[in-house]
Amino acid sequence: MRNKIDVCEAFLIRKAKSKKGETLVETLAAILIITLATIILIGSTMGASKINKKVKEADNKFYEQVDKAELKRAENKYAVGQIYIKNDTYSVNITENIDLYGEDKGLTSFD
């Protein structure tokens, strides 16, 4: 057992006297790189969170408009409109009467 302790002590003494190893500058550089990577990760996460919130709000507004349009349709409140399609290449003009359901300023469904 004494032999193992002597070997460990000898190793530690050689390590302490050795000129090889990690310098303070290398340690500070590693800390700086880790810090910058963490800042970038946190910034990306916050940006993704803001985008996700805006998308959820837009989805909610869209589905509110869909609900309003469907309620108007269920109430048979509609207006008559037209769709006009023109194709100059083939000289085709199409006009179709349709029934519009929904709000004046919002999403509208049609038949």
Protein backbone atom coordinates (compact mmCIF):
# COMPACT_ATOMS: atom_id res chain seq x y z
CA MET A 1 0.00 0.00 0.00
CA ARG A 2 2.87 2.29 0.79
CA ASN A 3 4.21 1.82 -2.73
CA LYS A 4 0.97 3.13 -4.29
CA ILE A 5 1.03 6.25 -2.12
CA ASP A 6 4.64 6.93 -3.09
CA VAL A 7 3.72 6.59 -6.78
CA CYS A 8 0.79 9.01 -6.39
CA GLU A 9 2.92 11.52 -4.50
CA ALA A 10 5.63 11.30 -7.12
CA PHE A 11 3.07 11.84 -9.87
CA LEU A 12 1.61 14.91 -8.18
CA ILE A 13 5.05 16.40 -7.54
CA ARG A 14 6.04 15.90 -11.20
CA LYS A 15 2.71 17.40 -12.34
CA ALA A 16 3.21 20.45 -10.12
CA LYS A 17 6.74 21.05 -11.41
CA SER A 18 5.78 20.42 -15.04
CA LYS A 19 5.57 23.38 -17.42
CA LYS A 20 2.88 21.60 -19.44
CA GLY A 21 -0.81 22.08 -18.71
CA GLU A 22 -3.64 24.52 -19.17
CA THR A 23 -2.77 28.17 -18.85
CA LEU A 24 -4.93 30.92 -17.42
CA VAL A 25 -5.44 32.41 -20.88
CA GLU A 26 -6.73 29.09 -22.22
CA THR A 27 -9.12 28.78 -19.29
CA LEU A 28 -10.43 32.32 -19.80
CA ALA A 29 -10.85 31.69 -23.55
CA ALA A 30 -12.87 28.55 -22.82
CA ILE A 31 -15.06 30.45 -20.35
CA LEU A 32 -15.59 33.23 -22.92
CA ILE A 33 -16.63 30.75 -25.62
CA ILE A 34 -19.07 29.02 -23.28
CA THR A 35 -20.51 32.39 -22.20
CA LEU A 36 -21.03 33.55 -25.80
CA ALA A 37 -22.65 30.25 -26.77
CA THR A 38 -25.01 30.54 -23.80
CA ILE A 39 -25.96 34.12 -24.70
CA ILE A 40 -26.72 33.10 -28.29
CA LEU A 41 -28.81 30.14 -27.10
CA ILE A 42 -30.82 32.30 -24.69
CA GLY A 43 -31.40 34.95 -27.38
CA SER A 44 -32.57 32.34 -29.87
CA THR A 45 -34.92 30.82 -27.32
CA MET A 46 -36.44 34.20 -26.48
CA GLY A 47 -36.88 35.05 -30.17
CA ALA A 48 -38.58 31.72 -30.85
CA SER A 49 -40.88 32.29 -27.89
CA LYS A 50 -41.95 35.71 -29.23
CA ILE A 51 -42.58 34.28 -32.70
CA ASN A 52 -44.59 31.42 -31.21
CA LYS A 53 -46.76 33.90 -29.26
CA LYS A 54 -47.47 35.98 -32.39
CA VAL A 55 -48.38 32.87 -34.38
CA LYS A 56 -50.79 31.72 -31.68
CA GLU A 57 -52.46 35.15 -31.67
CA ALA A 58 -52.79 35.09 -35.46
CA ASP A 59 -54.27 31.58 -35.33
CA ASN A 60 -56.80 32.66 -32.71
CA LYS A 61 -57.88 35.65 -34.84
CA PHE A 62 -58.19 33.43 -37.91
CA TYR A 63 -60.36 30.87 -36.14
CA GLU A 64 -62.53 33.63 -34.64
CA GLN A 65 -63.20 34.89 -38.18
CA VAL A 66 -63.94 31.34 -39.37
CA ASP A 67 -66.43 30.93 -36.53
CA LYS A 68 -68.13 34.24 -37.39
CA ALA A 69 -68.38 33.30 -41.07
CA GLU A 70 -69.84 29.89 -40.22
CA LEU A 71 -72.38 31.45 -37.82
CA LYS A 72 -73.54 33.85 -40.53
CA ARG A 73 -73.86 30.89 -42.87
CA ALA A 74 -75.95 28.99 -40.30
CA GLU A 75 -78.19 32.06 -39.93
CA ASN A 76 -78.59 32.20 -43.72
CA LYS A 77 -77.31 35.78 -43.73
CA TYR A 78 -75.55 36.20 -47.01
CA ALA A 79 -75.01 38.52 -49.92
CA VAL A 80 -74.75 37.76 -53.60
CA GLY A 81 -71.40 38.36 -55.19
CA GLN A 82 -69.55 37.53 -58.37
CA ILE A 83 -66.23 35.97 -59.20
CA TYR A 84 -64.71 37.17 -62.45
CA ILE A 85 -61.91 35.13 -64.01
CA LYS A 86 -60.09 36.44 -67.06
CA ASN A 87 -57.44 34.65 -69.04
CA ASP A 88 -55.84 36.74 -71.78
CA THR A 89 -53.93 33.82 -73.24
CA TYR A 90 -57.03 31.91 -74.29
CA SER A 91 -59.51 34.81 -74.41
CA VAL A 92 -61.79 33.25 -71.81
CA ASN A 93 -63.98 35.30 -69.46
CA ILE A 94 -65.96 33.55 -66.73
CA THR A 95 -68.42 35.22 -64.37
CA GLU A 96 -70.04 33.18 -61.61
CA ASN A 97 -72.66 34.28 -59.09
CA ILE A 98 -71.93 33.15 -55.53
CA ASP A 99 -73.45 33.49 -52.07
CA LEU A 100 -71.13 35.17 -49.55
CA TYR A 101 -71.31 34.59 -45.79
CA GLY A 102 -69.46 36.46 -43.04
CA GLU A 103 -68.51 39.94 -41.89
CA ASP A 104 -67.99 43.01 -44.05
CA LYS A 105 -64.38 43.33 -42.90
CA GLY A 106 -63.23 39.84 -42.16
CA LEU A 107 -63.09 36.33 -43.40
CA THR A 108 -65.88 35.36 -45.75
CA SER A 109 -66.94 31.93 -46.91
CA PHE A 110 -68.87 31.28 -50.06
CA ASP A 111 -70.78 28.59 -51.94
